[in-house]
Amino acid sequence: MTSPVTDAQIQDLAATATPASVCVLTWTADRHQQGADATELEHQRRMVTLRADGVIAVLVPVLSDTLAGIAVLTIGVEEADALFAEDPCVRAGMMTYEVHACLTFPGDAVPRPA
């Protein structure tokens, strides 16, 4: 760990916080319904498009039988909720979702592997 963080550093970072939202997608028992592969491909296409458009800042597919993924979005909760209500996997009953308000900090990113 690096040197201790000062109160001033915490306050300086907090001053840069930007309202955002985080969406947690969860698989349902209907994940493997007929046509699921095609539906999931459309979900993936939509998520990658939202990422390319800057609506999703961080896209985290989760390799799990229960948790499908997490997305950090640059939009507010109400807009994100409406967006995910129209997701192909959500509409097909393959996933459910929860959207929460959060804060992000400019410049945060997942580092590239060395």
PDB file of N, CA and C in Angstrom:
ATOM      1  N   MET A   1       0.841  -1.179   0.000  1.00  0.00           N
ATOM      2  CA  MET A   1       0.000   0.000   0.000  1.00  0.00           C
ATOM      3  C   MET A   1       0.884   1.240   0.000  1.00  0.00           C
ATOM      4  N   THR A   2       0.379   2.309  -0.584  1.00  0.00           N
ATOM      5  CA  THR A   2       1.142   3.552  -0.639  1.00  0.00           C
ATOM      6  C   THR A   2       1.055   4.283   0.690  1.00  0.00           C
ATOM      7  N   SER A   3       1.634   5.449   0.733  1.00  0.00           N
ATOM      8  CA  SER A   3       1.630   6.227   1.973  1.00  0.00           C
ATOM      9  C   SER A   3       0.208   6.606   2.373  1.00  0.00           C
ATOM     10  N   PRO A   4       0.017   6.931   3.649  1.00  0.00           N
ATOM     11  CA  PRO A   4      -1.330   7.266   4.132  1.00  0.00           C
ATOM     12  C   PRO A   4      -1.949   8.440   3.367  1.00  0.00           C
ATOM     13  N   VAL A   5      -3.245   8.356   3.179  1.00  0.00           N
ATOM     14  CA  VAL A   5      -3.993   9.403   2.491  1.00  0.00           C
ATOM     15  C   VAL A   5      -4.407  10.451   3.522  1.00  0.00           C
ATOM     16  N   THR A   6      -4.235  11.697   3.167  1.00  0.00           N
ATOM     17  CA  THR A   6      -4.567  12.790   4.088  1.00  0.00           C
ATOM     18  C   THR A   6      -6.038  13.163   3.966  1.00  0.00           C
ATOM     19  N   ASP A   7      -6.541  13.860   4.961  1.00  0.00           N
ATOM     20  CA  ASP A   7      -7.917  14.355   4.915  1.00  0.00           C
ATOM     21  C   ASP A   7      -8.110  15.270   3.709  1.00  0.00           C
ATOM     22  N   ALA A   8      -7.118  16.088   3.416  1.00  0.00           N
ATOM     23  CA  ALA A   8      -7.209  17.011   2.281  1.00  0.00           C
ATOM     24  C   ALA A   8      -7.325  16.243   0.966  1.00  0.00           C
ATOM     25  N   GLN A   9      -6.590  15.137   0.824  1.00  0.00           N
ATOM     26  CA  GLN A   9      -6.680  14.335  -0.395  1.00  0.00           C
ATOM     27  C   GLN A   9      -8.066  13.727  -0.546  1.00  0.00           C
ATOM     28  N   ILE A  10      -8.634  13.281   0.554  1.00  0.00           N
ATOM     29  CA  ILE A  10      -9.992  12.730   0.522  1.00  0.00           C
ATOM     30  C   ILE A  10     -10.977  13.805   0.096  1.00  0.00           C
ATOM     31  N   GLN A  11     -10.870  14.978   0.672  1.00  0.00           N
ATOM     32  CA  GLN A  11     -11.776  16.083   0.347  1.00  0.00           C
ATOM     33  C   GLN A  11     -11.609  16.524  -1.102  1.00  0.00           C
ATOM     34  N   ASP A  12     -10.352  16.568  -1.574  1.00  0.00           N
ATOM     35  CA  ASP A  12     -10.108  16.952  -2.968  1.00  0.00           C
ATOM     36  C   ASP A  12     -10.752  15.958  -3.928  1.00  0.00           C
ATOM     37  N   LEU A  13     -10.615  14.664  -3.645  1.00  0.00           N
ATOM     38  CA  LEU A  13     -11.229  13.647  -4.500  1.00  0.00           C
ATOM     39  C   LEU A  13     -12.751  13.737  -4.428  1.00  0.00           C
ATOM     40  N   ALA A  14     -13.289  13.869  -3.231  1.00  0.00           N
ATOM     41  CA  ALA A  14     -14.745  13.952  -3.056  1.00  0.00           C
ATOM     42  C   ALA A  14     -15.333  15.117  -3.847  1.00  0.00           C
ATOM     43  N   ALA A  15     -14.581  16.197  -3.976  1.00  0.00           N
ATOM     44  CA  ALA A  15     -15.064  17.367  -4.706  1.00  0.00           C
ATOM     45  C   ALA A  15     -15.219  17.094  -6.199  1.00  0.00           C
ATOM     46  N   THR A  16     -14.579  16.045  -6.699  1.00  0.00           N
ATOM     47  CA  THR A  16     -14.672  15.723  -8.125  1.00  0.00           C
ATOM     48  C   THR A  16     -15.740  14.677  -8.433  1.00  0.00           C
ATOM     49  N   ALA A  17     -16.426  14.177  -7.407  1.00  0.00           N
ATOM     50  CA  ALA A  17     -17.411  13.106  -7.595  1.00  0.00           C
ATOM     51  C   ALA A  17     -18.526  13.541  -8.546  1.00  0.00           C
ATOM     52  N   THR A  18     -18.888  12.614  -9.419  1.00  0.00           N
ATOM     53  CA  THR A  18     -19.935  12.855 -10.403  1.00  0.00           C
ATOM     54  C   THR A  18     -21.063  11.852 -10.182  1.00  0.00           C
ATOM     55  N   PRO A  19     -22.319  12.323 -10.120  1.00  0.00           N
ATOM     56  CA  PRO A  19     -23.436  11.375  -9.982  1.00  0.00           C
ATOM     57  C   PRO A  19     -23.494  10.416 -11.174  1.00  0.00           C
ATOM     58  N   ALA A  20     -23.783   9.171 -10.882  1.00  0.00           N
ATOM     59  CA  ALA A  20     -23.869   8.134 -11.904  1.00  0.00           C
ATOM     60  C   ALA A  20     -24.824   7.062 -11.388  1.00  0.00           C
ATOM     61  N   SER A  21     -24.800   5.905 -12.006  1.00  0.00           N
ATOM     62  CA  SER A  21     -25.596   4.781 -11.514  1.00  0.00           C
ATOM     63  C   SER A  21     -24.841   3.493 -11.781  1.00  0.00           C
ATOM     64  N   VAL A  22     -25.199   2.483 -11.010  1.00  0.00           N
ATOM     65  CA  VAL A  22     -24.621   1.157 -11.200  1.00  0.00           C
ATOM     66  C   VAL A  22     -25.778   0.173 -11.328  1.00  0.00           C
ATOM     67  N   CYS A  23     -25.657  -0.726 -12.305  1.00  0.00           N
ATOM     68  CA  CYS A  23     -26.696  -1.726 -12.535  1.00  0.00           C
ATOM     69  C   CYS A  23     -26.113  -3.101 -12.253  1.00  0.00           C
ATOM     70  N   VAL A  24     -26.851  -3.883 -11.478  1.00  0.00           N
ATOM     71  CA  VAL A  24     -26.467  -5.255 -11.170  1.00  0.00           C
ATOM     72  C   VAL A  24     -27.479  -6.165 -11.862  1.00  0.00           C
ATOM     73  N   LEU A  25     -26.979  -7.018 -12.763  1.00  0.00           N
ATOM     74  CA  LEU A  25     -27.832  -7.951 -13.514  1.00  0.00           C
ATOM     75  C   LEU A  25     -27.674  -9.351 -12.941  1.00  0.00           C
ATOM     76  N   THR A  26     -28.802 -10.011 -12.716  1.00  0.00           N
ATOM     77  CA  THR A  26     -28.808 -11.339 -12.110  1.00  0.00           C
ATOM     78  C   THR A  26     -29.554 -12.316 -13.018  1.00  0.00           C
ATOM     79  N   TRP A  27     -28.979 -13.511 -13.181  1.00  0.00           N
ATOM     80  CA  TRP A  27     -29.650 -14.554 -13.957  1.00  0.00           C
ATOM     81  C   TRP A  27     -30.875 -15.069 -13.210  1.00  0.00           C
ATOM     82  N   THR A  28     -31.888 -15.483 -13.957  1.00  0.00           N
ATOM     83  CA  THR A  28     -33.073 -16.110 -13.381  1.00  0.00           C
ATOM     84  C   THR A  28     -33.067 -17.601 -13.728  1.00  0.00           C
ATOM     85  N   ALA A  29     -34.044 -18.311 -13.220  1.00  0.00           N
ATOM     86  CA  ALA A  29     -34.190 -19.739 -13.533  1.00  0.00           C
ATOM     87  C   ALA A  29     -34.498 -19.957 -15.017  1.00  0.00           C
ATOM     88  N   ASP A  30     -34.956 -18.913 -15.717  1.00  0.00           N
ATOM     89  CA  ASP A  30     -35.285 -19.024 -17.145  1.00  0.00           C
ATOM     90  C   ASP A  30     -34.101 -18.700 -18.064  1.00  0.00           C
ATOM     91  N   ARG A  31     -32.895 -18.662 -17.516  1.00  0.00           N
ATOM     92  CA  ARG A  31     -31.705 -18.315 -18.291  1.00  0.00           C
ATOM     93  C   ARG A  31     -31.548 -19.189 -19.537  1.00  0.00           C
ATOM     94  N   HIS A  32     -31.848 -20.469 -19.440  1.00  0.00           N
ATOM     95  CA  HIS A  32     -31.586 -21.408 -20.535  1.00  0.00           C
ATOM     96  C   HIS A  32     -32.839 -21.755 -21.336  1.00  0.00           C
ATOM     97  N   GLN A  33     -33.781 -20.837 -21.429  1.00  0.00           N
ATOM     98  CA  GLN A  33     -35.006 -21.066 -22.189  1.00  0.00           C
ATOM     99  C   GLN A  33     -34.697 -21.228 -23.679  1.00  0.00           C
ATOM    100  N   GLN A  34     -35.670 -21.713 -24.410  1.00  0.00           N
ATOM    101  CA  GLN A  34     -35.498 -21.872 -25.845  1.00  0.00           C
ATOM    102  C   GLN A  34     -35.186 -20.514 -26.469  1.00  0.00           C
ATOM    103  N   GLY A  35     -34.157 -20.475 -27.320  1.00  0.00           N
ATOM    104  CA  GLY A  35     -33.757 -19.228 -27.974  1.00  0.00           C
ATOM    105  C   GLY A  35     -32.855 -18.350 -27.125  1.00  0.00           C
ATOM    106  N   ALA A  36     -32.406 -18.855 -25.980  1.00  0.00           N
ATOM    107  CA  ALA A  36     -31.614 -18.053 -25.051  1.00  0.00           C
ATOM    108  C   ALA A  36     -30.309 -17.552 -25.657  1.00  0.00           C
ATOM    109  N   ASP A  37     -29.653 -18.372 -26.450  1.00  0.00           N
ATOM    110  CA  ASP A  37     -28.362 -17.954 -27.027  1.00  0.00           C
ATOM    111  C   ASP A  37     -28.527 -16.709 -27.898  1.00  0.00           C
ATOM    112  N   ALA A  38     -29.556 -16.683 -28.727  1.00  0.00           N
ATOM    113  CA  ALA A  38     -29.796 -15.531 -29.601  1.00  0.00           C
ATOM    114  C   ALA A  38     -30.173 -14.298 -28.785  1.00  0.00           C
ATOM    115  N   THR A  39     -30.981 -14.498 -27.755  1.00  0.00           N
ATOM    116  CA  THR A  39     -31.381 -13.386 -26.897  1.00  0.00           C
ATOM    117  C   THR A  39     -30.175 -12.814 -26.165  1.00  0.00           C
ATOM    118  N   GLU A  40     -29.319 -13.702 -25.655  1.00  0.00           N
ATOM    119  CA  GLU A  40     -28.130 -13.239 -24.942  1.00  0.00           C
ATOM    120  C   GLU A  40     -27.165 -12.510 -25.886  1.00  0.00           C
ATOM    121  N   LEU A  41     -27.062 -12.953 -27.127  1.00  0.00           N
ATOM    122  CA  LEU A  41     -26.212 -12.260 -28.092  1.00  0.00           C
ATOM    123  C   LEU A  41     -26.723 -10.842 -28.335  1.00  0.00           C
ATOM    124  N   GLU A  42     -28.034 -10.669 -28.427  1.00  0.00           N
ATOM    125  CA  GLU A  42     -28.598  -9.327 -28.600  1.00  0.00           C
ATOM    126  C   GLU A  42     -28.355  -8.466 -27.356  1.00  0.00           C
ATOM    127  N   HIS A  43     -28.446  -9.064 -26.173  1.00  0.00           N
ATOM    128  CA  HIS A  43     -28.116  -8.366 -24.929  1.00  0.00           C
ATOM    129  C   HIS A  43     -26.658  -7.894 -24.983  1.00  0.00           C
ATOM    130  N   GLN A  44     -25.758  -8.787 -25.365  1.00  0.00           N
ATOM    131  CA  GLN A  44     -24.334  -8.446 -25.434  1.00  0.00           C
ATOM    132  C   GLN A  44     -24.091  -7.337 -26.453  1.00  0.00           C
ATOM    133  N   ARG A  45     -24.740  -7.418 -27.602  1.00  0.00           N
ATOM    134  CA  ARG A  45     -24.593  -6.387 -28.633  1.00  0.00           C
ATOM    135  C   ARG A  45     -25.044  -5.026 -28.081  1.00  0.00           C
ATOM    136  N   ARG A  46     -26.141  -5.038 -27.372  1.00  0.00           N
ATOM    137  CA  ARG A  46     -26.679  -3.797 -26.804  1.00  0.00           C
ATOM    138  C   ARG A  46     -25.736  -3.228 -25.746  1.00  0.00           C
ATOM    139  N   MET A  47     -25.214  -4.088 -24.884  1.00  0.00           N
ATOM    140  CA  MET A  47     -24.311  -3.626 -23.831  1.00  0.00           C
ATOM    141  C   MET A  47     -23.022  -3.048 -24.421  1.00  0.00           C
ATOM    142  N   VAL A  48     -22.465  -3.722 -25.421  1.00  0.00           N
ATOM    143  CA  VAL A  48     -21.232  -3.233 -26.051  1.00  0.00           C
ATOM    144  C   VAL A  48     -21.502  -1.918 -26.789  1.00  0.00           C
ATOM    145  N   THR A  49     -22.668  -1.784 -27.394  1.00  0.00           N
ATOM    146  CA  THR A  49     -23.039  -0.528 -28.050  1.00  0.00           C
ATOM    147  C   THR A  49     -23.146   0.603 -27.027  1.00  0.00           C
ATOM    148  N   LEU A  50     -23.800   0.330 -25.898  1.00  0.00           N
ATOM    149  CA  LEU A  50     -23.911   1.349 -24.844  1.00  0.00           C
ATOM    150  C   LEU A  50     -22.538   1.745 -24.319  1.00  0.00           C
ATOM    151  N   ARG A  51     -21.642   0.796 -24.244  1.00  0.00           N
ATOM    152  CA  ARG A  51     -20.264   1.079 -23.828  1.00  0.00           C
ATOM    153  C   ARG A  51     -19.574   1.961 -24.864  1.00  0.00           C
ATOM    154  N   ALA A  52     -19.709   1.598 -26.135  1.00  0.00           N
ATOM    155  CA  ALA A  52     -19.089   2.372 -27.216  1.00  0.00           C
ATOM    156  C   ALA A  52     -19.647   3.797 -27.263  1.00  0.00           C
ATOM    157  N   ASP A  53     -20.918   3.952 -26.908  1.00  0.00           N
ATOM    158  CA  ASP A  53     -21.563   5.264 -26.910  1.00  0.00           C
ATOM    159  C   ASP A  53     -21.262   6.079 -25.652  1.00  0.00           C
ATOM    160  N   GLY A  54     -20.557   5.488 -24.683  1.00  0.00           N
ATOM    161  CA  GLY A  54     -20.206   6.211 -23.473  1.00  0.00           C
ATOM    162  C   GLY A  54     -21.275   6.192 -22.392  1.00  0.00           C
ATOM    163  N   VAL A  55     -22.360   5.468 -22.613  1.00  0.00           N
ATOM    164  CA  VAL A  55     -23.412   5.357 -21.595  1.00  0.00           C
ATOM    165  C   VAL A  55     -22.953   4.424 -20.481  1.00  0.00           C
ATOM    166  N   ILE A  56     -22.278   3.346 -20.855  1.00  0.00           N
ATOM    167  CA  ILE A  56     -21.662   2.456 -19.876  1.00  0.00           C
ATOM    168  C   ILE A  56     -20.184   2.823 -19.805  1.00  0.00           C
ATOM    169  N   ALA A  57     -19.741   3.231 -18.614  1.00  0.00           N
ATOM    170  CA  ALA A  57     -18.339   3.599 -18.420  1.00  0.00           C
ATOM    171  C   ALA A  57     -17.475   2.378 -18.135  1.00  0.00           C
ATOM    172  N   VAL A  58     -18.017   1.442 -17.374  1.00  0.00           N
ATOM    173  CA  VAL A  58     -17.298   0.217 -17.035  1.00  0.00           C
ATOM    174  C   VAL A  58     -18.279  -0.945 -17.166  1.00  0.00           C
ATOM    175  N   LEU A  59     -17.924  -1.908 -17.989  1.00  0.00           N
ATOM    176  CA  LEU A  59     -18.767  -3.081 -18.244  1.00  0.00           C
ATOM    177  C   LEU A  59     -18.070  -4.299 -17.651  1.00  0.00           C
ATOM    178  N   VAL A  60     -18.776  -5.005 -16.747  1.00  0.00           N
ATOM    179  CA  VAL A  60     -18.170  -6.121 -16.018  1.00  0.00           C
ATOM    180  C   VAL A  60     -19.044  -7.373 -16.144  1.00  0.00           C
ATOM    181  N   PRO A  61     -18.864  -8.161 -17.212  1.00  0.00           N
ATOM    182  CA  PRO A  61     -19.556  -9.448 -17.252  1.00  0.00           C
ATOM    183  C   PRO A  61     -19.009 -10.330 -16.122  1.00  0.00           C
ATOM    184  N   VAL A  62     -19.886 -11.051 -15.449  1.00  0.00           N
ATOM    185  CA  VAL A  62     -19.473 -11.884 -14.319  1.00  0.00           C
ATOM    186  C   VAL A  62     -19.639 -13.349 -14.713  1.00  0.00           C
ATOM    187  N   LEU A  63     -18.615 -14.116 -14.442  1.00  0.00           N
ATOM    188  CA  LEU A  63     -18.620 -15.543 -14.795  1.00  0.00           C
ATOM    189  C   LEU A  63     -19.217 -16.327 -13.644  1.00  0.00           C
ATOM    190  N   SER A  64     -20.538 -16.363 -13.606  1.00  0.00           N
ATOM    191  CA  SER A  64     -21.266 -16.958 -12.492  1.00  0.00           C
ATOM    192  C   SER A  64     -22.589 -17.504 -12.994  1.00  0.00           C
ATOM    193  N   ASP A  65     -23.140 -18.451 -12.277  1.00  0.00           N
ATOM    194  CA  ASP A  65     -24.467 -18.963 -12.615  1.00  0.00           C
ATOM    195  C   ASP A  65     -25.577 -18.116 -12.013  1.00  0.00           C
ATOM    196  N   THR A  66     -25.227 -17.162 -11.162  1.00  0.00           N
ATOM    197  CA  THR A  66     -26.235 -16.330 -10.512  1.00  0.00           C
ATOM    198  C   THR A  66     -26.109 -14.862 -10.900  1.00  0.00           C
ATOM    199  N   LEU A  67     -24.928 -14.297 -10.790  1.00  0.00           N
ATOM    200  CA  LEU A  67     -24.701 -12.891 -11.126  1.00  0.00           C
ATOM    201  C   LEU A  67     -24.257 -12.800 -12.581  1.00  0.00           C
ATOM    202  N   ALA A  68     -25.005 -12.055 -13.395  1.00  0.00           N
ATOM    203  CA  ALA A  68     -24.698 -11.952 -14.821  1.00  0.00           C
ATOM    204  C   ALA A  68     -23.672 -10.866 -15.114  1.00  0.00           C
ATOM    205  N   GLY A  69     -23.776  -9.739 -14.417  1.00  0.00           N
ATOM    206  CA  GLY A  69     -22.837  -8.665 -14.679  1.00  0.00           C
ATOM    207  C   GLY A  69     -23.168  -7.403 -13.924  1.00  0.00           C
ATOM    208  N   ILE A  70     -22.248  -6.452 -14.054  1.00  0.00           N
ATOM    209  CA  ILE A  70     -22.377  -5.145 -13.419  1.00  0.00           C
ATOM    210  C   ILE A  70     -21.999  -4.104 -14.461  1.00  0.00           C
ATOM    211  N   ALA A  71     -22.705  -3.009 -14.477  1.00  0.00           N
ATOM    212  CA  ALA A  71     -22.371  -1.909 -15.376  1.00  0.00           C
ATOM    213  C   ALA A  71     -22.390  -0.609 -14.588  1.00  0.00           C
ATOM    214  N   VAL A  72     -21.338   0.169 -14.732  1.00  0.00           N
ATOM    215  CA  VAL A  72     -21.302   1.517 -14.169  1.00  0.00           C
ATOM    216  C   VAL A  72     -21.684   2.450 -15.306  1.00  0.00           C
ATOM    217  N   LEU A  73     -22.731   3.218 -15.083  1.00  0.00           N
ATOM    218  CA  LEU A  73     -23.292   4.055 -16.142  1.00  0.00           C
ATOM    219  C   LEU A  73     -23.070   5.539 -15.872  1.00  0.00           C
ATOM    220  N   THR A  74     -22.995   6.301 -16.941  1.00  0.00           N
ATOM    221  CA  THR A  74     -22.794   7.742 -16.850  1.00  0.00           C
ATOM    222  C   THR A  74     -24.115   8.507 -16.775  1.00  0.00           C
ATOM    223  N   ILE A  75     -25.197   7.783 -16.634  1.00  0.00           N
ATOM    224  CA  ILE A  75     -26.540   8.381 -16.586  1.00  0.00           C
ATOM    225  C   ILE A  75     -27.157   8.153 -15.211  1.00  0.00           C
ATOM    226  N   GLY A  76     -28.231   8.858 -14.932  1.00  0.00           N
ATOM    227  CA  GLY A  76     -28.898   8.739 -13.645  1.00  0.00           C
ATOM    228  C   GLY A  76     -29.735   7.479 -13.515  1.00  0.00           C
ATOM    229  N   VAL A  77     -30.236   7.268 -12.309  1.00  0.00           N
ATOM    230  CA  VAL A  77     -30.978   6.062 -11.969  1.00  0.00           C
ATOM    231  C   VAL A  77     -32.242   5.895 -12.813  1.00  0.00           C
ATOM    232  N   GLU A  78     -33.013   6.942 -12.963  1.00  0.00           N
ATOM    233  CA  GLU A  78     -34.275   6.821 -13.694  1.00  0.00           C
ATOM    234  C   GLU A  78     -34.039   6.453 -15.155  1.00  0.00           C
ATOM    235  N   GLU A  79     -33.064   7.088 -15.772  1.00  0.00           N
ATOM    236  CA  GLU A  79     -32.752   6.788 -17.166  1.00  0.00           C
ATOM    237  C   GLU A  79     -32.184   5.371 -17.301  1.00  0.00           C
ATOM    238  N   ALA A  80     -31.324   4.985 -16.364  1.00  0.00           N
ATOM    239  CA  ALA A  80     -30.754   3.634 -16.385  1.00  0.00           C
ATOM    240  C   ALA A  80     -31.840   2.585 -16.175  1.00  0.00           C
ATOM    241  N   ASP A  81     -32.760   2.851 -15.273  1.00  0.00           N
ATOM    242  CA  ASP A  81     -33.861   1.912 -15.020  1.00  0.00           C
ATOM    243  C   ASP A  81     -34.681   1.709 -16.293  1.00  0.00           C
ATOM    244  N   ALA A  82     -35.001   2.777 -16.980  1.00  0.00           N
ATOM    245  CA  ALA A  82     -35.768   2.668 -18.226  1.00  0.00           C
ATOM    246  C   ALA A  82     -34.962   1.924 -19.293  1.00  0.00           C
ATOM    247  N   LEU A  83     -33.669   2.158 -19.333  1.00  0.00           N
ATOM    248  CA  LEU A  83     -32.791   1.498 -20.303  1.00  0.00           C
ATOM    249  C   LEU A  83     -32.757  -0.011 -20.083  1.00  0.00           C
ATOM    250  N   PHE A  84     -32.595  -0.435 -18.831  1.00  0.00           N
ATOM    251  CA  PHE A  84     -32.482  -1.862 -18.557  1.00  0.00           C
ATOM    252  C   PHE A  84     -33.826  -2.576 -18.587  1.00  0.00           C
ATOM    253  N   ALA A  85     -34.906  -1.869 -18.411  1.00  0.00           N
ATOM    254  CA  ALA A  85     -36.232  -2.482 -18.550  1.00  0.00           C
ATOM    255  C   ALA A  85     -36.436  -2.987 -19.978  1.00  0.00           C
ATOM    256  N   GLU A  86     -35.724  -2.393 -20.939  1.00  0.00           N
ATOM    257  CA  GLU A  86     -35.849  -2.774 -22.348  1.00  0.00           C
ATOM    258  C   GLU A  86     -34.767  -3.760 -22.801  1.00  0.00           C
ATOM    259  N   ASP A  87     -33.913  -4.203 -21.899  1.00  0.00           N
ATOM    260  CA  ASP A  87     -32.857  -5.144 -22.255  1.00  0.00           C
ATOM    261  C   ASP A  87     -33.473  -6.460 -22.752  1.00  0.00           C
ATOM    262  N   PRO A  88     -32.933  -7.047 -23.819  1.00  0.00           N
ATOM    263  CA  PRO A  88     -33.503  -8.289 -24.357  1.00  0.00           C
ATOM    264  C   PRO A  88     -33.587  -9.424 -23.335  1.00  0.00           C
ATOM    265  N   CYS A  89     -32.549  -9.614 -22.527  1.00  0.00           N
ATOM    266  CA  CYS A  89     -32.578 -10.697 -21.531  1.00  0.00           C
ATOM    267  C   CYS A  89     -33.563 -10.398 -20.405  1.00  0.00           C
ATOM    268  N   VAL A  90     -33.715  -9.149 -20.046  1.00  0.00           N
ATOM    269  CA  VAL A  90     -34.684  -8.767 -19.014  1.00  0.00           C
ATOM    270  C   VAL A  90     -36.095  -8.990 -19.554  1.00  0.00           C
ATOM    271  N   ARG A  91     -36.335  -8.534 -20.767  1.00  0.00           N
ATOM    272  CA  ARG A  91     -37.670  -8.692 -21.361  1.00  0.00           C
ATOM    273  C   ARG A  91     -38.049 -10.156 -21.539  1.00  0.00           C
ATOM    274  N   ALA A  92     -37.052 -11.008 -21.796  1.00  0.00           N
ATOM    275  CA  ALA A  92     -37.312 -12.438 -21.973  1.00  0.00           C
ATOM    276  C   ALA A  92     -37.418 -13.175 -20.639  1.00  0.00           C
ATOM    277  N   GLY A  93     -37.174 -12.487 -19.531  1.00  0.00           N
ATOM    278  CA  GLY A  93     -37.246 -13.125 -18.223  1.00  0.00           C
ATOM    279  C   GLY A  93     -35.993 -13.916 -17.863  1.00  0.00           C
ATOM    280  N   MET A  94     -34.920 -13.736 -18.627  1.00  0.00           N
ATOM    281  CA  MET A  94     -33.672 -14.446 -18.356  1.00  0.00           C
ATOM    282  C   MET A  94     -32.840 -13.757 -17.272  1.00  0.00           C
ATOM    283  N   MET A  95     -33.042 -12.454 -17.107  1.00  0.00           N
ATOM    284  CA  MET A  95     -32.311 -11.660 -16.118  1.00  0.00           C
ATOM    285  C   MET A  95     -33.263 -10.727 -15.395  1.00  0.00           C
ATOM    286  N   THR A  96     -32.866 -10.383 -14.191  1.00  0.00           N
ATOM    287  CA  THR A  96     -33.477  -9.266 -13.476  1.00  0.00           C
ATOM    288  C   THR A  96     -32.365  -8.248 -13.253  1.00  0.00           C
ATOM    289  N   TYR A  97     -32.726  -7.057 -12.841  1.00  0.00           N
ATOM    290  CA  TYR A  97     -31.716  -6.029 -12.624  1.00  0.00           C
ATOM    291  C   TYR A  97     -32.102  -5.127 -11.463  1.00  0.00           C
ATOM    292  N   GLU A  98     -31.095  -4.506 -10.882  1.00  0.00           N
ATOM    293  CA  GLU A  98     -31.275  -3.471  -9.868  1.00  0.00           C
ATOM    294  C   GLU A  98     -30.385  -2.303 -10.265  1.00  0.00           C
ATOM    295  N   VAL A  99     -30.905  -1.101 -10.165  1.00  0.00           N
ATOM    296  CA  VAL A  99     -30.118   0.093 -10.455  1.00  0.00           C
ATOM    297  C   VAL A  99     -29.991   0.896  -9.162  1.00  0.00           C
ATOM    298  N   HIS A 100     -28.784   1.359  -8.896  1.00  0.00           N
ATOM    299  CA  HIS A 100     -28.504   2.139  -7.683  1.00  0.00           C
ATOM    300  C   HIS A 100     -27.765   3.417  -8.054  1.00  0.00           C
ATOM    301  N   ALA A 101     -28.058   4.485  -7.343  1.00  0.00           N
ATOM    302  CA  ALA A 101     -27.308   5.730  -7.508  1.00  0.00           C
ATOM    303  C   ALA A 101     -25.912   5.526  -6.930  1.00  0.00           C
ATOM    304  N   CYS A 102     -24.931   6.115  -7.578  1.00  0.00           N
ATOM    305  CA  CYS A 102     -23.561   6.041  -7.080  1.00  0.00           C
ATOM    306  C   CYS A 102     -22.817   7.302  -7.492  1.00  0.00           C
ATOM    307  N   LEU A 103     -21.579   7.377  -7.092  1.00  0.00           N
ATOM    308  CA  LEU A 103     -20.697   8.464  -7.491  1.00  0.00           C
ATOM    309  C   LEU A 103     -19.489   7.858  -8.189  1.00  0.00           C
ATOM    310  N   THR A 104     -18.982   8.554  -9.191  1.00  0.00           N
ATOM    311  CA  THR A 104     -17.764   8.128  -9.867  1.00  0.00           C
ATOM    312  C   THR A 104     -16.759   9.271  -9.807  1.00  0.00           C
ATOM    313  N   PHE A 105     -15.515   8.950 -10.119  1.00  0.00           N
ATOM    314  CA  PHE A 105     -14.451   9.945 -10.089  1.00  0.00           C
ATOM    315  C   PHE A 105     -13.789  10.002 -11.455  1.00  0.00           C
ATOM    316  N   PRO A 106     -13.622  11.199 -12.015  1.00  0.00           N
ATOM    317  CA  PRO A 106     -13.009  11.340 -13.339  1.00  0.00           C
ATOM    318  C   PRO A 106     -11.644  10.650 -13.398  1.00  0.00           C
ATOM    319  N   GLY A 107     -11.445   9.911 -14.477  1.00  0.00           N
ATOM    320  CA  GLY A 107     -10.164   9.248 -14.685  1.00  0.00           C
ATOM    321  C   GLY A 107     -10.077   7.838 -14.135  1.00  0.00           C
ATOM    322  N   ASP A 108     -11.021   7.436 -13.295  1.00  0.00           N
ATOM    323  CA  ASP A 108     -10.974   6.052 -12.798  1.00  0.00           C
ATOM    324  C   ASP A 108     -11.169   5.091 -13.964  1.00  0.00           C
ATOM    325  N   ALA A 109     -10.420   4.014 -13.946  1.00  0.00           N
ATOM    326  CA  ALA A 109     -10.506   3.018 -15.013  1.00  0.00           C
ATOM    327  C   ALA A 109      -9.900   1.715 -14.522  1.00  0.00           C
ATOM    328  N   VAL A 110     -10.276   0.643 -15.183  1.00  0.00           N
ATOM    329  CA  VAL A 110      -9.668  -0.661 -14.908  1.00  0.00           C
ATOM    330  C   VAL A 110      -8.331  -0.674 -15.641  1.00  0.00           C
ATOM    331  N   PRO A 111      -7.229  -0.948 -14.949  1.00  0.00           N
ATOM    332  CA  PRO A 111      -5.929  -0.919 -15.628  1.00  0.00           C
ATOM    333  C   PRO A 111      -5.782  -2.066 -16.622  1.00  0.00           C
ATOM    334  N   ARG A 112      -5.023  -1.815 -17.668  1.00  0.00           N
ATOM    335  CA  ARG A 112      -4.733  -2.850 -18.657  1.00  0.00           C
ATOM    336  C   ARG A 112      -3.745  -3.848 -18.050  1.00  0.00           C
ATOM    337  N   PRO A 113      -3.881  -5.116 -18.424  1.00  0.00           N
ATOM    338  CA  PRO A 113      -2.904  -6.113 -17.920  1.00  0.00           C
ATOM    339  C   PRO A 113      -1.494  -5.755 -18.367  1.00  0.00           C
ATOM    340  N   ALA A 114      -0.549  -6.064 -17.534  1.00  0.00           N
ATOM    341  CA  ALA A 114       0.862  -5.751 -17.851  1.00  0.00           C
ATOM    342  C   ALA A 114       1.396  -6.663 -18.936  1.00  0.00           C
TER     343      ALA A 114
END
